[in-house]
Amino acid sequence: MDTTLYPSKFQKDKKFARKRTRVKVKIKKKDPLLVDGKRPRPMYVDYKDIELLTKLVNRHGRIVSRRKSGCSATSQHAVAEAVKRARFMALMPYVGE
């Protein structure tokens, strides 16, 4: 008798057994716009700083979300404004490569 045609009870249960879920440790991301651990006042991101802005934009040209970039809400608003200005001034592409 071939076991592949008629699997045993143990093999059936093994196929549908639940996998253990691993506990994910959340790592607090640092805000890339903070200067010496403090937020600059007023919050401003230079739209001519293309090196910084390309780190906050993915390869498709979309602005990276706060969850992935680690920016605070005020930082993210400033980044979005700076990216949009840089695109308008033709310093950055609207669409990724």
Protein backbone atom coordinates (compact mmCIF):
# COMPACT_ATOMS: atom_id res chain seq x y z
CA MET A 1 0.00 0.00 0.00
CA ASP A 2 1.39 3.38 -1.03
CA THR A 3 1.41 6.00 1.73
CA THR A 4 1.14 8.92 -0.69
CA LEU A 5 -2.35 7.85 -1.79
CA TYR A 6 -3.57 7.18 1.73
CA PRO A 7 -1.75 9.48 4.16
CA SER A 8 -1.81 8.55 7.79
CA LYS A 9 -3.72 10.56 10.35
CA PHE A 10 -0.45 12.08 11.61
CA GLN A 11 0.51 13.31 8.13
CA LYS A 12 -2.94 14.84 7.60
CA ASP A 13 -2.79 16.76 10.87
CA LYS A 14 0.73 17.91 10.16
CA LYS A 15 -0.40 19.52 6.92
CA PHE A 16 -3.01 21.66 8.64
CA ALA A 17 -1.10 22.38 11.85
CA ARG A 18 -0.85 26.03 12.84
CA LYS A 19 2.52 27.66 12.81
CA ARG A 20 3.71 29.49 15.88
CA THR A 21 3.57 33.23 15.60
CA ARG A 22 6.78 34.97 16.43
CA VAL A 23 6.72 38.00 18.64
CA LYS A 24 7.93 41.02 16.68
CA VAL A 25 9.96 43.56 18.58
CA LYS A 26 9.08 47.07 17.50
CA ILE A 27 12.08 49.32 17.00
CA LYS A 28 11.43 53.00 17.46
CA LYS A 29 12.59 54.75 14.29
CA LYS A 30 14.32 58.08 14.58
CA ASP A 31 12.93 61.11 12.87
CA PRO A 32 15.44 61.88 10.08
CA LEU A 33 14.77 65.62 10.31
CA LEU A 34 15.62 66.12 13.98
CA VAL A 35 18.73 68.18 14.73
CA ASP A 36 20.58 66.99 17.86
CA GLY A 37 17.45 65.14 18.97
CA LYS A 38 15.29 68.30 18.85
CA ARG A 39 12.80 69.50 16.28
CA PRO A 40 13.93 72.69 14.53
CA ARG A 41 11.60 75.67 14.95
CA PRO A 42 10.04 76.61 12.56
CA MET A 43 9.82 73.20 10.90
CA TYR A 44 11.21 73.64 7.40
CA VAL A 45 12.71 71.20 4.94
CA ASP A 46 14.75 72.74 2.16
CA TYR A 47 13.33 71.68 -1.20
CA LYS A 48 16.80 72.07 -2.74
CA ASP A 49 18.22 69.35 -0.48
CA ILE A 50 17.65 66.56 -2.99
CA GLU A 51 19.87 64.09 -1.13
CA LEU A 52 17.57 64.15 1.92
CA LEU A 53 14.37 64.13 -0.13
CA THR A 54 15.39 61.10 -2.20
CA LYS A 55 15.71 59.10 1.05
CA LEU A 56 12.10 59.97 1.87
CA VAL A 57 10.77 58.98 -1.56
CA ASN A 58 10.57 55.36 -2.76
CA ARG A 59 11.83 54.08 -6.10
CA HIS A 60 8.44 54.66 -7.73
CA GLY A 61 8.57 58.35 -6.82
CA ARG A 62 5.99 58.21 -4.05
CA ILE A 63 6.46 59.94 -0.72
CA VAL A 64 7.20 57.29 1.93
CA SER A 65 4.64 57.02 4.73
CA ARG A 66 5.31 58.10 8.30
CA ARG A 67 5.26 54.52 9.49
CA LYS A 68 8.17 53.58 7.24
CA SER A 69 10.19 56.79 7.38
CA GLY A 70 9.84 57.38 11.12
CA CYS A 71 8.87 61.04 10.72
CA SER A 72 6.56 62.79 13.14
CA ALA A 73 3.38 64.40 11.77
CA THR A 74 4.87 67.89 11.52
CA SER A 75 8.02 66.52 9.88
CA GLN A 76 5.97 64.55 7.39
CA HIS A 77 3.94 67.63 6.41
CA ALA A 78 7.17 69.57 5.83
CA VAL A 79 8.64 66.70 3.80
CA ALA A 80 5.54 66.43 1.61
CA GLU A 81 5.60 70.17 0.96
CA ALA A 82 9.31 70.11 0.11
CA VAL A 83 8.96 67.12 -2.24
CA LYS A 84 6.07 68.80 -4.05
CA ARG A 85 8.06 72.03 -4.43
CA ALA A 86 11.12 70.13 -5.69
CA ARG A 87 8.97 68.33 -8.24
CA PHE A 88 7.42 71.59 -9.41
CA MET A 89 10.89 73.17 -9.77
CA ALA A 90 11.99 70.09 -11.80
CA LEU A 91 14.60 69.08 -9.22
CA MET A 92 12.88 65.72 -8.65
CA PRO A 93 10.84 63.55 -11.01
CA TYR A 94 7.13 63.02 -10.49
CA VAL A 95 7.50 59.36 -11.48
CA GLY A 96 10.30 57.01 -10.42
CA GLU A 97 12.70 55.37 -12.82
